[in-house]
Amino acid sequence: MTRYTRHIVLPFTLPLLFFAVAFSPVEVLGCLQRGLLALLVSLISGFSAVGTAILGTKARIRGDSNSHWWMMGTLVLPIPVVAMLVLA
């Protein structure tokens, strides 16, 4: 698996999943289930963003030249958290 796939494409699945749940019709999932699923995806994405930020900071402290890949993943992951705050 390439670095691009591991640090950009895979983290981008959480924002895509969030928007798929948030913009699905009410008749498909129901109002309560849509809200709970959107909240769950948003929380998972937020905790993952914190985790990748910690890993990227540790890599930068160690002097790893690839630490910017972790930070790029950290920029993608908070999208559902911000969208949840805006939509709510």
PDB file of N, CA and C in Angstrom:
ATOM      1  N   MET A   1       0.851  -1.165   0.000  1.00  0.00           N
ATOM      2  CA  MET A   1       0.000   0.000   0.000  1.00  0.00           C
ATOM      3  C   MET A   1       0.903   1.236   0.000  1.00  0.00           C
ATOM      4  N   THR A   2       0.623   2.162  -0.872  1.00  0.00           N
ATOM      5  CA  THR A   2       1.460   3.348  -0.964  1.00  0.00           C
ATOM      6  C   THR A   2       1.143   4.315   0.181  1.00  0.00           C
ATOM      7  N   ARG A   3       2.046   5.252   0.385  1.00  0.00           N
ATOM      8  CA  ARG A   3       1.826   6.247   1.450  1.00  0.00           C
ATOM      9  C   ARG A   3       0.606   7.105   1.157  1.00  0.00           C
ATOM     10  N   TYR A   4       0.425   7.435  -0.117  1.00  0.00           N
ATOM     11  CA  TYR A   4      -0.740   8.245  -0.495  1.00  0.00           C
ATOM     12  C   TYR A   4      -2.034   7.519  -0.139  1.00  0.00           C
ATOM     13  N   THR A   5      -2.106   6.249  -0.431  1.00  0.00           N
ATOM     14  CA  THR A   5      -3.305   5.472  -0.122  1.00  0.00           C
ATOM     15  C   THR A   5      -3.515   5.372   1.381  1.00  0.00           C
ATOM     16  N   ARG A   6      -2.448   5.108   2.117  1.00  0.00           N
ATOM     17  CA  ARG A   6      -2.558   4.893   3.559  1.00  0.00           C
ATOM     18  C   ARG A   6      -2.872   6.178   4.323  1.00  0.00           C
ATOM     19  N   HIS A   7      -2.336   7.315   3.885  1.00  0.00           N
ATOM     20  CA  HIS A   7      -2.472   8.543   4.665  1.00  0.00           C
ATOM     21  C   HIS A   7      -3.488   9.540   4.110  1.00  0.00           C
ATOM     22  N   ILE A   8      -3.936   9.363   2.881  1.00  0.00           N
ATOM     23  CA  ILE A   8      -4.911  10.291   2.302  1.00  0.00           C
ATOM     24  C   ILE A   8      -6.215   9.578   1.936  1.00  0.00           C
ATOM     25  N   VAL A   9      -6.133   8.525   1.168  1.00  0.00           N
ATOM     26  CA  VAL A   9      -7.342   7.864   0.660  1.00  0.00           C
ATOM     27  C   VAL A   9      -8.114   7.164   1.781  1.00  0.00           C
ATOM     28  N   LEU A  10      -7.429   6.386   2.605  1.00  0.00           N
ATOM     29  CA  LEU A  10      -8.125   5.689   3.695  1.00  0.00           C
ATOM     30  C   LEU A  10      -8.749   6.645   4.711  1.00  0.00           C
ATOM     31  N   PRO A  11      -8.052   7.701   5.169  1.00  0.00           N
ATOM     32  CA  PRO A  11      -8.737   8.639   6.072  1.00  0.00           C
ATOM     33  C   PRO A  11      -9.897   9.377   5.416  1.00  0.00           C
ATOM     34  N   PHE A  12      -9.859   9.524   4.089  1.00  0.00           N
ATOM     35  CA  PHE A  12     -10.932  10.245   3.412  1.00  0.00           C
ATOM     36  C   PHE A  12     -12.220   9.430   3.348  1.00  0.00           C
ATOM     37  N   THR A  13     -12.160   8.133   3.704  1.00  0.00           N
ATOM     38  CA  THR A  13     -13.382   7.337   3.708  1.00  0.00           C
ATOM     39  C   THR A  13     -14.326   7.756   4.828  1.00  0.00           C
ATOM     40  N   LEU A  14     -13.798   8.238   5.942  1.00  0.00           N
ATOM     41  CA  LEU A  14     -14.675   8.681   7.038  1.00  0.00           C
ATOM     42  C   LEU A  14     -15.493   9.920   6.666  1.00  0.00           C
ATOM     43  N   PRO A  15     -14.902  10.964   6.053  1.00  0.00           N
ATOM     44  CA  PRO A  15     -15.766  12.067   5.609  1.00  0.00           C
ATOM     45  C   PRO A  15     -16.786  11.643   4.560  1.00  0.00           C
ATOM     46  N   LEU A  16     -16.394  10.747   3.656  1.00  0.00           N
ATOM     47  CA  LEU A  16     -17.352  10.276   2.658  1.00  0.00           C
ATOM     48  C   LEU A  16     -18.498   9.500   3.311  1.00  0.00           C
ATOM     49  N   LEU A  17     -18.166   8.668   4.278  1.00  0.00           N
ATOM     50  CA  LEU A  17     -19.205   7.922   5.001  1.00  0.00           C
ATOM     51  C   LEU A  17     -20.117   8.864   5.777  1.00  0.00           C
ATOM     52  N   PHE A  18     -19.540   9.892   6.394  1.00  0.00           N
ATOM     53  CA  PHE A  18     -20.345  10.856   7.150  1.00  0.00           C
ATOM     54  C   PHE A  18     -21.349  11.559   6.234  1.00  0.00           C
ATOM     55  N   PHE A  19     -20.865  12.047   5.087  1.00  0.00           N
ATOM     56  CA  PHE A  19     -21.777  12.764   4.203  1.00  0.00           C
ATOM     57  C   PHE A  19     -22.784  11.826   3.542  1.00  0.00           C
ATOM     58  N   ALA A  20     -22.423  10.575   3.344  1.00  0.00           N
ATOM     59  CA  ALA A  20     -23.395   9.610   2.820  1.00  0.00           C
ATOM     60  C   ALA A  20     -24.514   9.384   3.825  1.00  0.00           C
ATOM     61  N   VAL A  21     -24.171   9.303   5.102  1.00  0.00           N
ATOM     62  CA  VAL A  21     -25.191   9.118   6.140  1.00  0.00           C
ATOM     63  C   VAL A  21     -26.003  10.394   6.329  1.00  0.00           C
ATOM     64  N   ALA A  22     -25.324  11.536   6.367  1.00  0.00           N
ATOM     65  CA  ALA A  22     -26.007  12.800   6.647  1.00  0.00           C
ATOM     66  C   ALA A  22     -26.971  13.202   5.537  1.00  0.00           C
ATOM     67  N   PHE A  23     -26.642  12.875   4.301  1.00  0.00           N
ATOM     68  CA  PHE A  23     -27.495  13.291   3.189  1.00  0.00           C
ATOM     69  C   PHE A  23     -28.379  12.169   2.658  1.00  0.00           C
ATOM     70  N   SER A  24     -28.452  11.060   3.378  1.00  0.00           N
ATOM     71  CA  SER A  24     -29.361   9.999   2.964  1.00  0.00           C
ATOM     72  C   SER A  24     -30.790  10.405   3.324  1.00  0.00           C
ATOM     73  N   PRO A  25     -31.760   9.935   2.567  1.00  0.00           N
ATOM     74  CA  PRO A  25     -33.150  10.288   2.875  1.00  0.00           C
ATOM     75  C   PRO A  25     -33.590   9.698   4.216  1.00  0.00           C
ATOM     76  N   VAL A  26     -34.521  10.373   4.864  1.00  0.00           N
ATOM     77  CA  VAL A  26     -35.022   9.925   6.158  1.00  0.00           C
ATOM     78  C   VAL A  26     -35.712   8.569   6.029  1.00  0.00           C
ATOM     79  N   GLU A  27     -36.311   8.314   4.888  1.00  0.00           N
ATOM     80  CA  GLU A  27     -37.016   7.054   4.695  1.00  0.00           C
ATOM     81  C   GLU A  27     -36.078   5.850   4.675  1.00  0.00           C
ATOM     82  N   VAL A  28     -34.810   6.060   4.409  1.00  0.00           N
ATOM     83  CA  VAL A  28     -33.861   4.950   4.314  1.00  0.00           C
ATOM     84  C   VAL A  28     -33.451   4.465   5.694  1.00  0.00           C
ATOM     85  N   LEU A  29     -33.013   5.373   6.554  1.00  0.00           N
ATOM     86  CA  LEU A  29     -32.496   4.984   7.862  1.00  0.00           C
ATOM     87  C   LEU A  29     -33.362   5.433   9.028  1.00  0.00           C
ATOM     88  N   GLY A  30     -34.162   6.426   8.834  1.00  0.00           N
ATOM     89  CA  GLY A  30     -34.913   7.003   9.940  1.00  0.00           C
ATOM     90  C   GLY A  30     -34.106   8.141  10.561  1.00  0.00           C
ATOM     91  N   CYS A  31     -34.789   9.010  11.229  1.00  0.00           N
ATOM     92  CA  CYS A  31     -34.141  10.212  11.750  1.00  0.00           C
ATOM     93  C   CYS A  31     -33.163   9.902  12.885  1.00  0.00           C
ATOM     94  N   LEU A  32     -33.588   9.096  13.838  1.00  0.00           N
ATOM     95  CA  LEU A  32     -32.738   8.774  14.985  1.00  0.00           C
ATOM     96  C   LEU A  32     -31.486   8.014  14.566  1.00  0.00           C
ATOM     97  N   GLN A  33     -31.640   7.025  13.703  1.00  0.00           N
ATOM     98  CA  GLN A  33     -30.495   6.225  13.275  1.00  0.00           C
ATOM     99  C   GLN A  33     -29.510   7.059  12.457  1.00  0.00           C
ATOM    100  N   ARG A  34     -30.031   7.942  11.603  1.00  0.00           N
ATOM    101  CA  ARG A  34     -29.141   8.817  10.836  1.00  0.00           C
ATOM    102  C   ARG A  34     -28.325   9.697  11.755  1.00  0.00           C
ATOM    103  N   GLY A  35     -28.962  10.272  12.753  1.00  0.00           N
ATOM    104  CA  GLY A  35     -28.253  11.142  13.681  1.00  0.00           C
ATOM    105  C   GLY A  35     -27.215  10.403  14.502  1.00  0.00           C
ATOM    106  N   LEU A  36     -27.580   9.219  14.984  1.00  0.00           N
ATOM    107  CA  LEU A  36     -26.634   8.435  15.783  1.00  0.00           C
ATOM    108  C   LEU A  36     -25.459   7.939  14.941  1.00  0.00           C
ATOM    109  N   LEU A  37     -25.729   7.508  13.715  1.00  0.00           N
ATOM    110  CA  LEU A  37     -24.633   7.081  12.844  1.00  0.00           C
ATOM    111  C   LEU A  37     -23.716   8.242  12.479  1.00  0.00           C
ATOM    112  N   ALA A  38     -24.289   9.397  12.201  1.00  0.00           N
ATOM    113  CA  ALA A  38     -23.469  10.570  11.891  1.00  0.00           C
ATOM    114  C   ALA A  38     -22.619  10.972  13.093  1.00  0.00           C
ATOM    115  N   LEU A  39     -23.207  10.898  14.283  1.00  0.00           N
ATOM    116  CA  LEU A  39     -22.454  11.204  15.496  1.00  0.00           C
ATOM    117  C   LEU A  39     -21.335  10.196  15.714  1.00  0.00           C
ATOM    118  N   LEU A  40     -21.612   8.921  15.497  1.00  0.00           N
ATOM    119  CA  LEU A  40     -20.607   7.877  15.671  1.00  0.00           C
ATOM    120  C   LEU A  40     -19.436   8.059  14.695  1.00  0.00           C
ATOM    121  N   VAL A  41     -19.750   8.308  13.436  1.00  0.00           N
ATOM    122  CA  VAL A  41     -18.685   8.516  12.446  1.00  0.00           C
ATOM    123  C   VAL A  41     -17.892   9.770  12.780  1.00  0.00           C
ATOM    124  N   SER A  42     -18.558  10.802  13.234  1.00  0.00           N
ATOM    125  CA  SER A  42     -17.875  12.036  13.605  1.00  0.00           C
ATOM    126  C   SER A  42     -16.949  11.827  14.803  1.00  0.00           C
ATOM    127  N   LEU A  43     -17.400  11.082  15.797  1.00  0.00           N
ATOM    128  CA  LEU A  43     -16.550  10.804  16.963  1.00  0.00           C
ATOM    129  C   LEU A  43     -15.345   9.943  16.593  1.00  0.00           C
ATOM    130  N   ILE A  44     -15.561   8.925  15.785  1.00  0.00           N
ATOM    131  CA  ILE A  44     -14.445   8.078  15.348  1.00  0.00           C
ATOM    132  C   ILE A  44     -13.435   8.906  14.565  1.00  0.00           C
ATOM    133  N   SER A  45     -13.929   9.764  13.711  1.00  0.00           N
ATOM    134  CA  SER A  45     -13.042  10.612  12.924  1.00  0.00           C
ATOM    135  C   SER A  45     -12.277  11.600  13.803  1.00  0.00           C
ATOM    136  N   GLY A  46     -12.943  12.153  14.799  1.00  0.00           N
ATOM    137  CA  GLY A  46     -12.271  13.090  15.696  1.00  0.00           C
ATOM    138  C   GLY A  46     -11.185  12.425  16.519  1.00  0.00           C
ATOM    139  N   PHE A  47     -11.482  11.243  17.059  1.00  0.00           N
ATOM    140  CA  PHE A  47     -10.463  10.521  17.825  1.00  0.00           C
ATOM    141  C   PHE A  47      -9.316  10.070  16.927  1.00  0.00           C
ATOM    142  N   SER A  48      -9.621   9.703  15.699  1.00  0.00           N
ATOM    143  CA  SER A  48      -8.564   9.323  14.760  1.00  0.00           C
ATOM    144  C   SER A  48      -7.687  10.525  14.409  1.00  0.00           C
ATOM    145  N   ALA A  49      -8.299  11.698  14.295  1.00  0.00           N
ATOM    146  CA  ALA A  49      -7.525  12.903  14.011  1.00  0.00           C
ATOM    147  C   ALA A  49      -6.560  13.214  15.151  1.00  0.00           C
ATOM    148  N   VAL A  50      -7.028  13.048  16.376  1.00  0.00           N
ATOM    149  CA  VAL A  50      -6.150  13.271  17.533  1.00  0.00           C
ATOM    150  C   VAL A  50      -5.013  12.252  17.528  1.00  0.00           C
ATOM    151  N   GLY A  51      -5.324  10.990  17.222  1.00  0.00           N
ATOM    152  CA  GLY A  51      -4.302   9.950  17.178  1.00  0.00           C
ATOM    153  C   GLY A  51      -3.257  10.202  16.114  1.00  0.00           C
ATOM    154  N   THR A  52      -3.698  10.578  14.922  1.00  0.00           N
ATOM    155  CA  THR A  52      -2.723  10.848  13.861  1.00  0.00           C
ATOM    156  C   THR A  52      -1.909  12.099  14.152  1.00  0.00           C
ATOM    157  N   ALA A  53      -2.504  13.075  14.829  1.00  0.00           N
ATOM    158  CA  ALA A  53      -1.740  14.263  15.211  1.00  0.00           C
ATOM    159  C   ALA A  53      -0.645  13.902  16.212  1.00  0.00           C
ATOM    160  N   ILE A  54      -0.965  13.017  17.140  1.00  0.00           N
ATOM    161  CA  ILE A  54       0.035  12.581  18.117  1.00  0.00           C
ATOM    162  C   ILE A  54       1.150  11.802  17.424  1.00  0.00           C
ATOM    163  N   LEU A  55       0.773  10.884  16.526  1.00  0.00           N
ATOM    164  CA  LEU A  55       1.790  10.115  15.805  1.00  0.00           C
ATOM    165  C   LEU A  55       2.667  11.019  14.935  1.00  0.00           C
ATOM    166  N   GLY A  56       2.054  11.995  14.281  1.00  0.00           N
ATOM    167  CA  GLY A  56       2.823  12.925  13.453  1.00  0.00           C
ATOM    168  C   GLY A  56       3.755  13.794  14.274  1.00  0.00           C
ATOM    169  N   THR A  57       3.299  14.210  15.443  1.00  0.00           N
ATOM    170  CA  THR A  57       4.151  15.023  16.319  1.00  0.00           C
ATOM    171  C   THR A  57       5.315  14.204  16.852  1.00  0.00           C
ATOM    172  N   LYS A  58       5.057  12.963  17.239  1.00  0.00           N
ATOM    173  CA  LYS A  58       6.144  12.092  17.695  1.00  0.00           C
ATOM    174  C   LYS A  58       7.158  11.852  16.579  1.00  0.00           C
ATOM    175  N   ALA A  59       6.668  11.647  15.362  1.00  0.00           N
ATOM    176  CA  ALA A  59       7.575  11.433  14.234  1.00  0.00           C
ATOM    177  C   ALA A  59       8.400  12.690  13.945  1.00  0.00           C
ATOM    178  N   ARG A  60       7.783  13.847  14.085  1.00  0.00           N
ATOM    179  CA  ARG A  60       8.520  15.090  13.851  1.00  0.00           C
ATOM    180  C   ARG A  60       9.571  15.307  14.925  1.00  0.00           C
ATOM    181  N   ILE A  61       9.259  14.981  16.169  1.00  0.00           N
ATOM    182  CA  ILE A  61      10.225  15.116  17.263  1.00  0.00           C
ATOM    183  C   ILE A  61      11.412  14.178  17.038  1.00  0.00           C
ATOM    184  N   ARG A  62      11.136  12.959  16.543  1.00  0.00           N
ATOM    185  CA  ARG A  62      12.210  12.011  16.263  1.00  0.00           C
ATOM    186  C   ARG A  62      13.044  12.424  15.058  1.00  0.00           C
ATOM    187  N   GLY A  63      12.552  13.366  14.283  1.00  0.00           N
ATOM    188  CA  GLY A  63      13.269  13.813  13.094  1.00  0.00           C
ATOM    189  C   GLY A  63      12.956  12.995  11.857  1.00  0.00           C
ATOM    190  N   ASP A  64      11.840  12.298  11.873  1.00  0.00           N
ATOM    191  CA  ASP A  64      11.437  11.487  10.727  1.00  0.00           C
ATOM    192  C   ASP A  64      11.029  12.410   9.581  1.00  0.00           C
ATOM    193  N   SER A  65      11.586  12.167   8.416  1.00  0.00           N
ATOM    194  CA  SER A  65      11.287  13.031   7.269  1.00  0.00           C
ATOM    195  C   SER A  65       9.904  12.765   6.688  1.00  0.00           C
ATOM    196  N   ASN A  66       9.249  11.680   7.079  1.00  0.00           N
ATOM    197  CA  ASN A  66       7.920  11.343   6.564  1.00  0.00           C
ATOM    198  C   ASN A  66       6.796  11.765   7.506  1.00  0.00           C
ATOM    199  N   SER A  67       7.090  12.604   8.476  1.00  0.00           N
ATOM    200  CA  SER A  67       6.049  13.006   9.430  1.00  0.00           C
ATOM    201  C   SER A  67       4.967  13.859   8.778  1.00  0.00           C
ATOM    202  N   HIS A  68       5.273  14.494   7.659  1.00  0.00           N
ATOM    203  CA  HIS A  68       4.259  15.319   7.001  1.00  0.00           C
ATOM    204  C   HIS A  68       3.104  14.478   6.464  1.00  0.00           C
ATOM    205  N   TRP A  69       3.325  13.188   6.190  1.00  0.00           N
ATOM    206  CA  TRP A  69       2.231  12.330   5.752  1.00  0.00           C
ATOM    207  C   TRP A  69       1.191  12.166   6.852  1.00  0.00           C
ATOM    208  N   TRP A  70       1.638  12.018   8.096  1.00  0.00           N
ATOM    209  CA  TRP A  70       0.702  11.912   9.217  1.00  0.00           C
ATOM    210  C   TRP A  70      -0.075  13.203   9.383  1.00  0.00           C
ATOM    211  N   MET A  71       0.572  14.337   9.195  1.00  0.00           N
ATOM    212  CA  MET A  71      -0.113  15.621   9.342  1.00  0.00           C
ATOM    213  C   MET A  71      -1.137  15.837   8.226  1.00  0.00           C
ATOM    214  N   MET A  72      -0.846  15.343   7.022  1.00  0.00           N
ATOM    215  CA  MET A  72      -1.823  15.475   5.941  1.00  0.00           C
ATOM    216  C   MET A  72      -3.067  14.639   6.233  1.00  0.00           C
ATOM    217  N   GLY A  73      -2.873  13.470   6.827  1.00  0.00           N
ATOM    218  CA  GLY A  73      -4.025  12.672   7.242  1.00  0.00           C
ATOM    219  C   GLY A  73      -4.807  13.351   8.351  1.00  0.00           C
ATOM    220  N   THR A  74      -4.087  14.078   9.216  1.00  0.00           N
ATOM    221  CA  THR A  74      -4.745  14.804  10.303  1.00  0.00           C
ATOM    222  C   THR A  74      -5.612  15.940   9.756  1.00  0.00           C
ATOM    223  N   LEU A  75      -5.243  16.510   8.635  1.00  0.00           N
ATOM    224  CA  LEU A  75      -6.051  17.575   8.044  1.00  0.00           C
ATOM    225  C   LEU A  75      -7.334  17.048   7.414  1.00  0.00           C
ATOM    226  N   VAL A  76      -7.344  15.812   6.995  1.00  0.00           N
ATOM    227  CA  VAL A  76      -8.530  15.224   6.351  1.00  0.00           C
ATOM    228  C   VAL A  76      -9.552  14.760   7.389  1.00  0.00           C
ATOM    229  N   LEU A  77      -9.076  14.201   8.483  1.00  0.00           N
ATOM    230  CA  LEU A  77      -9.977  13.546   9.441  1.00  0.00           C
ATOM    231  C   LEU A  77     -10.944  14.470  10.195  1.00  0.00           C
ATOM    232  N   PRO A  78     -10.620  15.734  10.502  1.00  0.00           N
ATOM    233  CA  PRO A  78     -11.604  16.549  11.240  1.00  0.00           C
ATOM    234  C   PRO A  78     -12.769  17.072  10.408  1.00  0.00           C
ATOM    235  N   ILE A  79     -12.828  16.763   9.131  1.00  0.00           N
ATOM    236  CA  ILE A  79     -13.908  17.269   8.276  1.00  0.00           C
ATOM    237  C   ILE A  79     -15.286  16.869   8.812  1.00  0.00           C
ATOM    238  N   PRO A  80     -15.535  15.606   9.199  1.00  0.00           N
ATOM    239  CA  PRO A  80     -16.856  15.269   9.750  1.00  0.00           C
ATOM    240  C   PRO A  80     -17.171  15.978  11.068  1.00  0.00           C
ATOM    241  N   VAL A  81     -16.167  16.227  11.875  1.00  0.00           N
ATOM    242  CA  VAL A  81     -16.399  16.928  13.153  1.00  0.00           C
ATOM    243  C   VAL A  81     -16.883  18.350  12.872  1.00  0.00           C
ATOM    244  N   VAL A  82     -16.224  19.038  11.964  1.00  0.00           N
ATOM    245  CA  VAL A  82     -16.626  20.399  11.617  1.00  0.00           C
ATOM    246  C   VAL A  82     -17.996  20.397  10.943  1.00  0.00           C
ATOM    247  N   ALA A  83     -18.222  19.429  10.059  1.00  0.00           N
ATOM    248  CA  ALA A  83     -19.524  19.346   9.388  1.00  0.00           C
ATOM    249  C   ALA A  83     -20.637  19.060  10.389  1.00  0.00           C
ATOM    250  N   MET A  84     -20.361  18.236  11.391  1.00  0.00           N
ATOM    251  CA  MET A  84     -21.368  17.949  12.413  1.00  0.00           C
ATOM    252  C   MET A  84     -21.716  19.226  13.181  1.00  0.00           C
ATOM    253  N   LEU A  85     -20.718  20.023  13.503  1.00  0.00           N
ATOM    254  CA  LEU A  85     -20.976  21.270  14.215  1.00  0.00           C
ATOM    255  C   LEU A  85     -21.754  22.263  13.355  1.00  0.00           C
ATOM    256  N   VAL A  86     -21.458  22.297  12.056  1.00  0.00           N
ATOM    257  CA  VAL A  86     -22.146  23.222  11.171  1.00  0.00           C
ATOM    258  C   VAL A  86     -23.583  22.762  10.918  1.00  0.00           C
ATOM    259  N   LEU A  87     -23.776  21.458  10.696  1.00  0.00           N
ATOM    260  CA  LEU A  87     -25.111  20.952  10.393  1.00  0.00           C
ATOM    261  C   LEU A  87     -26.023  20.879  11.604  1.00  0.00           C
ATOM    262  N   ALA A  88     -25.446  20.792  12.779  1.00  0.00           N
ATOM    263  CA  ALA A  88     -26.267  20.651  13.990  1.00  0.00           C
ATOM    264  C   ALA A  88     -26.759  21.954  14.462  1.00  0.00           C
TER     265      ALA A  88
END
